[in-house]
Amino acid sequence: MPKIHLTPNFVSNPPKPAGKAKVDYFDVEIPGFLLEVRVTGKSTYYQRYRDTSGRLKQFRIGPVDSVFLDDARNKAKKIRSQASMGLDPRKNLDRLKEIPTFKDFVNQKYLPFVQVQKRSWEADKRESWDRFFKLTFLPYFAKFLSTQQPQAFMEVQHAQNSQIYTGQSAQRIPYCFQNRPAGPSHQGQRQ
């Protein structure tokens, strides 16, 4: 548990741990901010804090090759400030985990509703579901959260759909996103 002033030079080439799986280098500037260096040479920034129950927690900020030291320090300060105000920095992450992916939303909510409520479902299924939605659209969006909307892809898809399909058929995909459930950051806003 060595304490050191973390610098960009040190972070870019930290000494690998000898005889251990990992070593934590704590920053002298920000209490709880640390650089974890593993035997493999990979390094990750973390911020330690105490939750409202007094338990020691560790928030993963990111790997050294993806996050600059200054950005990691700023994030560590935010985490530290949230913890000191009695807020749990991990709570928002836990809320995001509860949001279904788009694939789960379609399979668990959208399809059961459409199959019962939409009279033309059988015709739609024959005409476009398997050919377009299942093969083109769903594989791309499967891992997105149901509250995310990748706008650039939507515009390209809509342009392609307008050439292939007519009228309301071309509007189905944008309509599906306009009526998606509101997530934590979208509550109270109309989409």
N, C-alpha and C. Protein backbone atom coordinates (compact mmCIF):
# COMPACT_ATOMS: atom_id res chain seq x y z
N MET A 1 0.84 -1.18 0.00
CA MET A 1 0.00 0.00 0.00
C MET A 1 0.88 1.25 0.00
N PRO A 2 1.75 1.39 -0.99
CA PRO A 2 2.62 2.56 -1.04
C PRO A 2 1.85 3.83 -1.42
N LYS A 3 2.25 4.94 -0.83
CA LYS A 3 1.69 6.24 -1.18
C LYS A 3 2.70 6.96 -2.06
N ILE A 4 2.17 7.58 -3.12
CA ILE A 4 3.05 8.22 -4.09
C ILE A 4 2.26 9.34 -4.76
N HIS A 5 2.96 10.35 -5.25
CA HIS A 5 2.30 11.38 -6.05
C HIS A 5 2.19 10.84 -7.47
N LEU A 6 0.97 10.49 -7.88
CA LEU A 6 0.76 9.91 -9.21
C LEU A 6 1.00 10.97 -10.28
N THR A 7 1.86 10.65 -11.22
CA THR A 7 2.17 11.55 -12.33
C THR A 7 1.90 10.80 -13.63
N PRO A 8 1.73 11.52 -14.74
CA PRO A 8 1.52 10.84 -16.02
C PRO A 8 2.66 9.88 -16.38
N ASN A 9 3.90 10.24 -16.05
CA ASN A 9 5.03 9.36 -16.34
C ASN A 9 4.95 8.07 -15.54
N PHE A 10 4.63 8.20 -14.25
CA PHE A 10 4.53 7.01 -13.40
C PHE A 10 3.37 6.12 -13.86
N VAL A 11 2.24 6.73 -14.17
CA VAL A 11 1.05 5.99 -14.58
C VAL A 11 1.27 5.25 -15.90
N SER A 12 2.01 5.86 -16.82
CA SER A 12 2.23 5.23 -18.12
C SER A 12 3.17 4.03 -18.04
N ASN A 13 4.03 3.99 -17.04
CA ASN A 13 4.97 2.88 -16.91
C ASN A 13 5.20 2.55 -15.43
N PRO A 14 4.18 2.04 -14.74
CA PRO A 14 4.36 1.74 -13.31
C PRO A 14 5.15 0.46 -13.10
N PRO A 15 5.85 0.35 -11.98
CA PRO A 15 6.57 -0.90 -11.71
C PRO A 15 5.59 -2.04 -11.43
N LYS A 16 5.86 -3.19 -12.01
CA LYS A 16 5.00 -4.36 -11.81
C LYS A 16 5.25 -4.93 -10.42
N PRO A 17 4.21 -5.50 -9.82
CA PRO A 17 4.38 -6.05 -8.47
C PRO A 17 5.27 -7.30 -8.49
N ALA A 18 6.09 -7.42 -7.49
CA ALA A 18 6.99 -8.59 -7.39
C ALA A 18 6.45 -9.51 -6.30
N GLY A 19 6.13 -10.72 -6.67
CA GLY A 19 5.65 -11.71 -5.70
C GLY A 19 4.21 -11.54 -5.28
N LYS A 20 3.48 -10.64 -5.88
CA LYS A 20 2.06 -10.42 -5.57
C LYS A 20 1.27 -10.39 -6.87
N ALA A 21 -0.04 -10.57 -6.76
CA ALA A 21 -0.91 -10.50 -7.94
C ALA A 21 -1.13 -9.05 -8.37
N LYS A 22 -1.14 -8.14 -7.39
CA LYS A 22 -1.36 -6.73 -7.68
C LYS A 22 -0.79 -5.88 -6.57
N VAL A 23 -0.61 -4.59 -6.88
CA VAL A 23 -0.19 -3.62 -5.88
C VAL A 23 -1.00 -2.35 -6.10
N ASP A 24 -1.40 -1.72 -4.99
CA ASP A 24 -2.18 -0.47 -5.05
C ASP A 24 -1.26 0.69 -4.70
N TYR A 25 -1.19 1.66 -5.61
CA TYR A 25 -0.43 2.89 -5.36
C TYR A 25 -1.42 3.99 -5.04
N PHE A 26 -1.43 4.45 -3.79
CA PHE A 26 -2.36 5.50 -3.36
C PHE A 26 -1.77 6.87 -3.66
N ASP A 27 -2.61 7.76 -4.15
CA ASP A 27 -2.20 9.13 -4.46
C ASP A 27 -2.16 9.95 -3.17
N VAL A 28 -1.14 10.78 -3.03
CA VAL A 28 -1.04 11.63 -1.84
C VAL A 28 -1.93 12.86 -1.98
N GLU A 29 -2.34 13.19 -3.20
CA GLU A 29 -3.14 14.39 -3.45
C GLU A 29 -4.61 14.22 -3.08
N ILE A 30 -5.20 13.09 -3.46
CA ILE A 30 -6.62 12.84 -3.19
C ILE A 30 -6.74 11.58 -2.33
N PRO A 31 -7.26 11.70 -1.12
CA PRO A 31 -7.40 10.52 -0.26
C PRO A 31 -8.33 9.47 -0.90
N GLY A 32 -7.88 8.23 -0.92
CA GLY A 32 -8.67 7.14 -1.46
C GLY A 32 -8.47 6.88 -2.94
N PHE A 33 -7.84 7.80 -3.65
CA PHE A 33 -7.60 7.62 -5.09
C PHE A 33 -6.39 6.73 -5.27
N LEU A 34 -6.53 5.69 -6.08
CA LEU A 34 -5.42 4.75 -6.21
C LEU A 34 -5.29 4.21 -7.63
N LEU A 35 -4.11 3.72 -7.90
CA LEU A 35 -3.80 3.05 -9.16
C LEU A 35 -3.46 1.61 -8.82
N GLU A 36 -4.27 0.70 -9.35
CA GLU A 36 -4.02 -0.72 -9.13
C GLU A 36 -3.21 -1.26 -10.30
N VAL A 37 -2.05 -1.82 -10.01
CA VAL A 37 -1.18 -2.39 -11.05
C VAL A 37 -1.14 -3.90 -10.84
N ARG A 38 -1.52 -4.63 -11.87
CA ARG A 38 -1.51 -6.09 -11.79
C ARG A 38 -0.22 -6.66 -12.38
N VAL A 39 0.03 -7.91 -12.09
CA VAL A 39 1.23 -8.61 -12.55
C VAL A 39 1.32 -8.61 -14.07
N THR A 40 0.19 -8.57 -14.74
CA THR A 40 0.15 -8.57 -16.21
C THR A 40 0.61 -7.24 -16.79
N GLY A 41 0.71 -6.21 -15.95
CA GLY A 41 1.11 -4.89 -16.43
C GLY A 41 -0.08 -3.96 -16.65
N LYS A 42 -1.29 -4.49 -16.57
CA LYS A 42 -2.50 -3.67 -16.73
C LYS A 42 -2.72 -2.85 -15.46
N SER A 43 -3.16 -1.60 -15.66
CA SER A 43 -3.39 -0.70 -14.54
C SER A 43 -4.78 -0.09 -14.62
N THR A 44 -5.38 0.13 -13.45
CA THR A 44 -6.74 0.67 -13.38
C THR A 44 -6.83 1.67 -12.24
N TYR A 45 -7.58 2.77 -12.48
CA TYR A 45 -7.83 3.77 -11.44
C TYR A 45 -9.05 3.36 -10.61
N TYR A 46 -8.97 3.59 -9.31
CA TYR A 46 -10.09 3.35 -8.39
C TYR A 46 -10.18 4.50 -7.41
N GLN A 47 -11.36 4.67 -6.82
CA GLN A 47 -11.55 5.60 -5.72
C GLN A 47 -12.20 4.83 -4.59
N ARG A 48 -11.58 4.84 -3.42
CA ARG A 48 -12.17 4.20 -2.25
C ARG A 48 -12.93 5.25 -1.46
N TYR A 49 -14.04 4.80 -0.87
CA TYR A 49 -14.88 5.69 -0.07
C TYR A 49 -15.67 4.85 0.92
N ARG A 50 -16.28 5.50 1.86
CA ARG A 50 -17.16 4.81 2.82
C ARG A 50 -18.60 5.16 2.50
N ASP A 51 -19.46 4.14 2.47
CA ASP A 51 -20.87 4.39 2.21
C ASP A 51 -21.55 4.89 3.48
N THR A 52 -22.86 5.09 3.43
CA THR A 52 -23.59 5.65 4.57
C THR A 52 -23.57 4.71 5.77
N SER A 53 -23.33 3.42 5.55
CA SER A 53 -23.25 2.45 6.65
C SER A 53 -21.84 2.35 7.21
N GLY A 54 -20.88 3.07 6.62
CA GLY A 54 -19.51 3.04 7.10
C GLY A 54 -18.67 1.94 6.48
N ARG A 55 -19.23 1.19 5.52
CA ARG A 55 -18.47 0.12 4.87
C ARG A 55 -17.56 0.72 3.80
N LEU A 56 -16.37 0.14 3.68
CA LEU A 56 -15.40 0.58 2.69
C LEU A 56 -15.79 0.04 1.31
N LYS A 57 -15.93 0.92 0.34
CA LYS A 57 -16.29 0.56 -1.04
C LYS A 57 -15.20 1.05 -1.97
N GLN A 58 -15.18 0.47 -3.15
CA GLN A 58 -14.19 0.85 -4.15
C GLN A 58 -14.91 1.04 -5.49
N PHE A 59 -14.77 2.21 -6.08
CA PHE A 59 -15.42 2.54 -7.34
C PHE A 59 -14.38 2.47 -8.45
N ARG A 60 -14.65 1.67 -9.46
CA ARG A 60 -13.72 1.54 -10.60
C ARG A 60 -13.93 2.73 -11.53
N ILE A 61 -12.87 3.49 -11.75
CA ILE A 61 -12.95 4.66 -12.63
C ILE A 61 -12.64 4.26 -14.07
N GLY A 62 -11.58 3.49 -14.27
CA GLY A 62 -11.27 3.03 -15.62
C GLY A 62 -9.81 2.67 -15.78
N PRO A 63 -9.51 1.98 -16.89
CA PRO A 63 -8.12 1.59 -17.14
C PRO A 63 -7.27 2.78 -17.59
N VAL A 64 -5.98 2.67 -17.33
CA VAL A 64 -5.03 3.74 -17.65
C VAL A 64 -5.00 4.04 -19.14
N ASP A 65 -5.14 3.01 -19.97
CA ASP A 65 -5.07 3.24 -21.42
C ASP A 65 -6.33 3.89 -21.99
N SER A 66 -7.38 4.04 -21.18
CA SER A 66 -8.62 4.67 -21.65
C SER A 66 -8.92 6.01 -20.98
N VAL A 67 -8.38 6.22 -19.77
CA VAL A 67 -8.70 7.42 -19.00
C VAL A 67 -7.41 8.15 -18.64
N PHE A 68 -7.36 9.44 -18.95
CA PHE A 68 -6.20 10.25 -18.59
C PHE A 68 -6.18 10.47 -17.08
N LEU A 69 -5.00 10.70 -16.54
CA LEU A 69 -4.84 10.89 -15.10
C LEU A 69 -5.67 12.06 -14.58
N ASP A 70 -5.67 13.19 -15.30
CA ASP A 70 -6.46 14.35 -14.85
C ASP A 70 -7.96 14.05 -14.83
N ASP A 71 -8.42 13.33 -15.85
CA ASP A 71 -9.84 12.95 -15.89
C ASP A 71 -10.19 12.00 -14.74
N ALA A 72 -9.28 11.06 -14.47
CA ALA A 72 -9.50 10.12 -13.37
C ALA A 72 -9.53 10.86 -12.03
N ARG A 73 -8.65 11.84 -11.87
CA ARG A 73 -8.65 12.63 -10.63
C ARG A 73 -9.96 13.41 -10.47
N ASN A 74 -10.44 14.00 -11.56
CA ASN A 74 -11.71 14.73 -11.50
C ASN A 74 -12.86 13.80 -11.12
N LYS A 75 -12.89 12.62 -11.71
CA LYS A 75 -13.94 11.64 -11.39
C LYS A 75 -13.81 11.22 -9.92
N ALA A 76 -12.58 11.01 -9.45
CA ALA A 76 -12.36 10.62 -8.06
C ALA A 76 -12.87 11.70 -7.11
N LYS A 77 -12.65 12.97 -7.46
CA LYS A 77 -13.15 14.07 -6.62
C LYS A 77 -14.67 14.07 -6.57
N LYS A 78 -15.31 13.79 -7.70
CA LYS A 78 -16.78 13.74 -7.73
C LYS A 78 -17.30 12.60 -6.87
N ILE A 79 -16.66 11.45 -6.98
CA ILE A 79 -17.07 10.29 -6.18
C ILE A 79 -16.91 10.58 -4.70
N ARG A 80 -15.78 11.18 -4.36
CA ARG A 80 -15.49 11.52 -2.97
C ARG A 80 -16.50 12.53 -2.44
N SER A 81 -16.84 13.51 -3.26
CA SER A 81 -17.80 14.52 -2.83
C SER A 81 -19.20 13.93 -2.67
N GLN A 82 -19.61 13.04 -3.57
CA GLN A 82 -20.92 12.38 -3.44
C GLN A 82 -20.97 11.55 -2.15
N ALA A 83 -19.90 10.83 -1.88
CA ALA A 83 -19.86 9.99 -0.68
C ALA A 83 -19.90 10.84 0.59
N SER A 84 -19.22 11.98 0.57
CA SER A 84 -19.20 12.84 1.76
C SER A 84 -20.56 13.51 2.00
N MET A 85 -21.37 13.64 0.95
CA MET A 85 -22.71 14.22 1.09
C MET A 85 -23.76 13.16 1.42
N GLY A 86 -23.32 11.91 1.60
CA GLY A 86 -24.25 10.85 1.97
C GLY A 86 -24.88 10.14 0.79
N LEU A 87 -24.43 10.43 -0.41
CA LEU A 87 -24.96 9.76 -1.60
C LEU A 87 -24.08 8.57 -1.95
N ASP A 88 -24.68 7.56 -2.53
CA ASP A 88 -23.90 6.39 -2.93
C ASP A 88 -23.57 6.52 -4.41
N PRO A 89 -22.28 6.67 -4.77
CA PRO A 89 -21.90 6.81 -6.17
C PRO A 89 -22.27 5.61 -7.04
N ARG A 90 -22.42 4.44 -6.45
CA ARG A 90 -22.75 3.24 -7.21
C ARG A 90 -24.25 3.11 -7.47
N LYS A 91 -25.06 3.91 -6.79
CA LYS A 91 -26.52 3.77 -6.90
C LYS A 91 -26.99 3.99 -8.33
N ASN A 92 -26.44 4.99 -9.01
CA ASN A 92 -26.83 5.25 -10.39
C ASN A 92 -26.46 4.08 -11.29
N LEU A 93 -25.30 3.46 -11.05
CA LEU A 93 -24.90 2.29 -11.83
C LEU A 93 -25.87 1.14 -11.60
N ASP A 94 -26.30 0.96 -10.36
CA ASP A 94 -27.27 -0.10 -10.06
C ASP A 94 -28.60 0.16 -10.75
N ARG A 95 -29.02 1.43 -10.82
CA ARG A 95 -30.27 1.77 -11.51
C ARG A 95 -30.15 1.47 -13.01
N LEU A 96 -28.97 1.74 -13.58
CA LEU A 96 -28.78 1.45 -15.01
C LEU A 96 -28.83 -0.05 -15.29
N LYS A 97 -28.36 -0.86 -14.34
CA LYS A 97 -28.40 -2.31 -14.53
C LYS A 97 -29.84 -2.83 -14.56
N GLU A 98 -30.76 -2.11 -13.93
CA GLU A 98 -32.15 -2.53 -13.89
C GLU A 98 -32.89 -2.24 -15.20
N ILE A 99 -32.36 -1.35 -16.02
CA ILE A 99 -33.00 -1.01 -17.29
C ILE A 99 -32.76 -2.17 -18.26
N PRO A 100 -33.82 -2.68 -18.87
CA PRO A 100 -33.63 -3.81 -19.80
C PRO A 100 -32.92 -3.37 -21.07
N THR A 101 -32.24 -4.32 -21.71
CA THR A 101 -31.67 -4.04 -23.02
C THR A 101 -32.81 -3.94 -24.01
N PHE A 102 -32.53 -3.43 -25.18
CA PHE A 102 -33.58 -3.29 -26.18
C PHE A 102 -34.14 -4.65 -26.58
N LYS A 103 -33.28 -5.63 -26.70
CA LYS A 103 -33.73 -6.99 -27.06
C LYS A 103 -34.69 -7.53 -26.01
N ASP A 104 -34.35 -7.36 -24.73
CA ASP A 104 -35.24 -7.81 -23.66
C ASP A 104 -36.56 -7.05 -23.69
N PHE A 105 -36.49 -5.75 -23.92
CA PHE A 105 -37.71 -4.95 -24.00
C PHE A 105 -38.62 -5.44 -25.12
N VAL A 106 -38.04 -5.69 -26.28
CA VAL A 106 -38.84 -6.16 -27.42
C VAL A 106 -39.46 -7.51 -27.11
N ASN A 107 -38.66 -8.45 -26.59
CA ASN A 107 -39.16 -9.80 -26.34
C ASN A 107 -40.13 -9.90 -25.17
N GLN A 108 -39.92 -9.10 -24.13
CA GLN A 108 -40.75 -9.22 -22.93
C GLN A 108 -41.94 -8.27 -22.89
N LYS A 109 -41.84 -7.12 -23.54
CA LYS A 109 -42.91 -6.13 -23.46
C LYS A 109 -43.59 -5.86 -24.81
N TYR A 110 -42.77 -5.53 -25.81
CA TYR A 110 -43.32 -5.09 -27.09
C TYR A 110 -44.06 -6.22 -27.82
N LEU A 111 -43.41 -7.36 -28.01
CA LEU A 111 -44.03 -8.46 -28.76
C LEU A 111 -45.30 -8.99 -28.10
N PRO A 112 -45.31 -9.26 -26.80
CA PRO A 112 -46.56 -9.73 -26.21
C PRO A 112 -47.71 -8.73 -26.38
N PHE A 113 -47.41 -7.45 -26.29
CA PHE A 113 -48.44 -6.43 -26.47
C PHE A 113 -48.94 -6.40 -27.91
N VAL A 114 -48.00 -6.36 -28.86
CA VAL A 114 -48.36 -6.26 -30.27
C VAL A 114 -49.13 -7.49 -30.74
N GLN A 115 -48.71 -8.65 -30.32
CA GLN A 115 -49.36 -9.88 -30.76
C GLN A 115 -50.81 -9.95 -30.32
N VAL A 116 -51.15 -9.34 -29.21
CA VAL A 116 -52.52 -9.34 -28.73
C VAL A 116 -53.32 -8.16 -29.29
N GLN A 117 -52.72 -6.99 -29.32
CA GLN A 117 -53.44 -5.76 -29.64
C GLN A 117 -53.53 -5.43 -31.12
N LYS A 118 -52.57 -5.86 -31.90
CA LYS A 118 -52.52 -5.44 -33.29
C LYS A 118 -53.18 -6.49 -34.19
N ARG A 119 -54.22 -6.08 -34.89
CA ARG A 119 -54.95 -7.02 -35.74
C ARG A 119 -54.13 -7.52 -36.91
N SER A 120 -53.24 -6.67 -37.41
CA SER A 120 -52.46 -7.04 -38.60
C SER A 120 -51.13 -7.70 -38.24
N TRP A 121 -50.99 -8.20 -37.01
CA TRP A 121 -49.72 -8.76 -36.58
C TRP A 121 -49.27 -9.93 -37.46
N GLU A 122 -50.15 -10.84 -37.80
CA GLU A 122 -49.77 -12.01 -38.61
C GLU A 122 -49.23 -11.56 -39.96
N ALA A 123 -49.89 -10.58 -40.58
CA ALA A 123 -49.42 -10.06 -41.88
C ALA A 123 -48.08 -9.35 -41.72
N ASP A 124 -47.95 -8.57 -40.67
CA ASP A 124 -46.68 -7.87 -40.42
C ASP A 124 -45.55 -8.88 -40.20
N LYS A 125 -45.85 -9.92 -39.48
CA LYS A 125 -44.84 -10.94 -39.19
C LYS A 125 -44.37 -11.60 -40.48
N ARG A 126 -45.30 -11.91 -41.35
CA ARG A 126 -44.94 -12.53 -42.63
C ARG A 126 -44.16 -11.57 -43.51
N GLU A 127 -44.57 -10.31 -43.55
CA GLU A 127 -43.99 -9.34 -44.49
C GLU A 127 -42.65 -8.78 -44.03
N SER A 128 -42.57 -8.37 -42.76
CA SER A 128 -41.37 -7.62 -42.40
C SER A 128 -40.65 -8.06 -41.14
N TRP A 129 -41.30 -8.76 -40.24
CA TRP A 129 -40.66 -9.05 -38.96
C TRP A 129 -39.40 -9.88 -39.13
N ASP A 130 -39.52 -11.05 -39.74
CA ASP A 130 -38.36 -11.93 -39.88
C ASP A 130 -37.31 -11.33 -40.80
N ARG A 131 -37.76 -10.74 -41.90
CA ARG A 131 -36.82 -10.25 -42.91
C ARG A 131 -36.08 -9.00 -42.45
N PHE A 132 -36.77 -8.07 -41.86
CA PHE A 132 -36.12 -6.80 -41.52
C PHE A 132 -35.78 -6.70 -40.04
N PHE A 133 -36.79 -6.73 -39.21
CA PHE A 133 -36.58 -6.42 -37.79
C PHE A 133 -35.67 -7.43 -37.11
N LYS A 134 -35.95 -8.72 -37.31
CA LYS A 134 -35.20 -9.76 -36.64
C LYS A 134 -33.77 -9.90 -37.17
N LEU A 135 -33.58 -9.71 -38.47
CA LEU A 135 -32.27 -9.92 -39.07
C LEU A 135 -31.40 -8.67 -39.15
N THR A 136 -32.02 -7.50 -39.28
CA THR A 136 -31.25 -6.27 -39.46
C THR A 136 -31.23 -5.41 -38.21
N PHE A 137 -32.39 -5.14 -37.68
CA PHE A 137 -32.53 -4.16 -36.62
C PHE A 137 -32.15 -4.71 -35.24
N LEU A 138 -32.74 -5.82 -34.87
CA LEU A 138 -32.55 -6.36 -33.53
C LEU A 138 -31.09 -6.73 -33.22
N PRO A 139 -30.35 -7.37 -34.15
CA PRO A 139 -28.95 -7.68 -33.82
C PRO A 139 -28.12 -6.44 -33.51
N TYR A 140 -28.38 -5.33 -34.19
CA TYR A 140 -27.61 -4.11 -33.94
C TYR A 140 -27.95 -3.51 -32.58
N PHE A 141 -29.23 -3.46 -32.26
CA PHE A 141 -29.68 -2.78 -31.04
C PHE A 141 -29.78 -3.69 -29.83
N ALA A 142 -29.51 -4.97 -29.98
CA ALA A 142 -29.74 -5.95 -28.91
C ALA A 142 -29.12 -5.54 -27.58
N LYS A 143 -27.91 -4.98 -27.59
CA LYS A 143 -27.22 -4.70 -26.34
C LYS A 143 -27.42 -3.28 -25.83
N PHE A 144 -28.07 -2.43 -26.62
CA PHE A 144 -28.35 -1.08 -26.15
C PHE A 144 -29.38 -1.15 -25.04
N LEU A 145 -29.30 -0.23 -24.09
CA LEU A 145 -30.35 -0.13 -23.10
C LEU A 145 -31.59 0.41 -23.79
N SER A 146 -32.75 0.06 -23.28
CA SER A 146 -33.98 0.48 -23.94
C SER A 146 -34.18 1.99 -23.88
N THR A 147 -33.37 2.71 -23.09
CA THR A 147 -33.50 4.16 -23.01
C THR A 147 -32.52 4.88 -23.92
N GLN A 148 -31.63 4.15 -24.58
CA GLN A 148 -30.66 4.77 -25.46
C GLN A 148 -31.22 4.82 -26.88
N GLN A 149 -30.83 5.84 -27.61
CA GLN A 149 -31.28 5.98 -28.99
C GLN A 149 -30.11 6.45 -29.84
N PRO A 150 -29.43 5.53 -30.53
CA PRO A 150 -28.32 5.92 -31.40
C PRO A 150 -28.86 6.65 -32.63
N GLN A 151 -28.88 7.96 -32.59
CA GLN A 151 -29.54 8.78 -33.59
C GLN A 151 -29.00 8.59 -35.01
N ALA A 152 -27.70 8.52 -35.18
CA ALA A 152 -27.14 8.40 -36.53
C ALA A 152 -27.61 7.11 -37.20
N PHE A 153 -27.60 6.02 -36.48
CA PHE A 153 -28.06 4.75 -37.05
C PHE A 153 -29.54 4.83 -37.40
N MET A 154 -30.30 5.49 -36.53
CA MET A 154 -31.75 5.62 -36.78
C MET A 154 -32.00 6.37 -38.09
N GLU A 155 -31.26 7.44 -38.34
CA GLU A 155 -31.47 8.22 -39.56
C GLU A 155 -31.12 7.41 -40.80
N VAL A 156 -30.04 6.66 -40.75
CA VAL A 156 -29.64 5.82 -41.88
C VAL A 156 -30.69 4.74 -42.12
N GLN A 157 -31.12 4.08 -41.04
CA GLN A 157 -32.13 3.03 -41.18
C GLN A 157 -33.42 3.58 -41.74
N HIS A 158 -33.83 4.76 -41.27
CA HIS A 158 -35.08 5.34 -41.76
C HIS A 158 -34.97 5.65 -43.26
N ALA A 159 -33.82 6.16 -43.67
CA ALA A 159 -33.62 6.44 -45.10
C ALA A 159 -33.68 5.15 -45.91
N GLN A 160 -33.06 4.09 -45.42
CA GLN A 160 -33.12 2.81 -46.13
C GLN A 160 -34.53 2.24 -46.13
N ASN A 161 -35.22 2.35 -45.01
CA ASN A 161 -36.59 1.84 -44.92
C ASN A 161 -37.52 2.58 -45.88
N SER A 162 -37.30 3.87 -46.03
CA SER A 162 -38.16 4.66 -46.91
C SER A 162 -38.03 4.22 -48.36
N GLN A 163 -36.87 3.69 -48.72
CA GLN A 163 -36.68 3.20 -50.08
C GLN A 163 -37.31 1.81 -50.26
N ILE A 164 -37.31 1.02 -49.20
CA ILE A 164 -37.82 -0.36 -49.30
C ILE A 164 -39.31 -0.42 -48.99
N TYR A 165 -39.73 0.24 -47.91
CA TYR A 165 -41.10 0.15 -47.44
C TYR A 165 -41.85 1.43 -47.74
N THR A 166 -43.16 1.36 -47.64
CA THR A 166 -43.97 2.54 -47.91
C THR A 166 -44.68 3.00 -46.64
N GLY A 167 -44.98 4.27 -46.60
CA GLY A 167 -45.82 4.85 -45.57
C GLY A 167 -45.48 4.44 -44.15
N GLN A 168 -46.48 3.84 -43.48
CA GLN A 168 -46.35 3.50 -42.07
C GLN A 168 -45.30 2.43 -41.80
N SER A 169 -45.04 1.57 -42.76
CA SER A 169 -44.03 0.53 -42.55
C SER A 169 -42.66 1.15 -42.32
N ALA A 170 -42.36 2.23 -43.02
CA ALA A 170 -41.06 2.89 -42.85
C ALA A 170 -40.99 3.65 -41.53
N GLN A 171 -42.15 3.96 -40.94
CA GLN A 171 -42.18 4.73 -39.70
C GLN A 171 -42.13 3.86 -38.45
N ARG A 172 -42.25 2.56 -38.58
CA ARG A 172 -42.34 1.69 -37.41
C ARG A 172 -41.12 1.77 -36.50
N ILE A 173 -39.94 1.81 -37.08
CA ILE A 173 -38.73 1.80 -36.26
C ILE A 173 -38.61 3.10 -35.47
N PRO A 174 -38.69 4.28 -36.10
CA PRO A 174 -38.64 5.50 -35.29
C PRO A 174 -39.76 5.57 -34.26
N TYR A 175 -40.96 5.06 -34.62
CA TYR A 175 -42.09 5.08 -33.69
C TYR A 175 -41.80 4.22 -32.46
N CYS A 176 -41.17 3.08 -32.68
CA CYS A 176 -40.82 2.19 -31.58
C CYS A 176 -39.90 2.89 -30.59
N PHE A 177 -38.97 3.71 -31.09
CA PHE A 177 -38.06 4.42 -30.20
C PHE A 177 -38.72 5.62 -29.55
N GLN A 178 -39.64 6.26 -30.24
CA GLN A 178 -40.30 7.42 -29.64
C GLN A 178 -41.15 7.00 -28.45
N ASN A 179 -41.63 5.78 -28.45
CA ASN A 179 -42.51 5.31 -27.38
C ASN A 179 -41.81 4.34 -26.43
N ARG A 180 -40.50 4.44 -26.34
CA ARG A 180 -39.77 3.57 -25.43
C ARG A 180 -39.99 4.05 -23.99
N PRO A 181 -39.76 3.17 -23.01
CA PRO A 181 -39.99 3.57 -21.62
C PRO A 181 -38.96 4.59 -21.16
N ALA A 182 -39.37 5.48 -20.29
CA ALA A 182 -38.45 6.49 -19.77
C ALA A 182 -37.53 5.86 -18.75
N GLY A 183 -36.24 6.17 -18.85
CA GLY A 183 -35.25 5.68 -17.91
C GLY A 183 -34.97 6.71 -16.85
N PRO A 184 -33.96 6.50 -16.03
CA PRO A 184 -33.67 7.43 -14.93
C PRO A 184 -33.36 8.84 -15.40
N SER A 185 -32.68 8.96 -16.56
CA SER A 185 -32.32 10.30 -17.02
C SER A 185 -33.40 10.91 -17.89
N HIS A 186 -34.45 10.15 -18.25
CA HIS A 186 -35.48 10.66 -19.13
C HIS A 186 -36.82 10.86 -18.43
N GLN A 187 -36.88 10.63 -17.12
CA GLN A 187 -38.15 10.72 -16.44
C GLN A 187 -38.69 12.14 -16.51
N GLY A 188 -39.97 12.22 -16.85
CA GLY A 188 -40.62 13.50 -16.92
C GLY A 188 -40.43 14.22 -18.25
N GLN A 189 -39.65 13.69 -19.15
CA GLN A 189 -39.45 14.32 -20.44
C GLN A 189 -40.19 13.55 -21.50
N ARG A 190 -40.77 14.24 -22.42
CA ARG A 190 -41.46 13.57 -23.52
C ARG A 190 -40.47 13.30 -24.62
N GLN A 191 -40.48 12.12 -25.15
CA GLN A 191 -39.50 11.73 -26.17
C GLN A 191 -40.01 12.05 -27.56
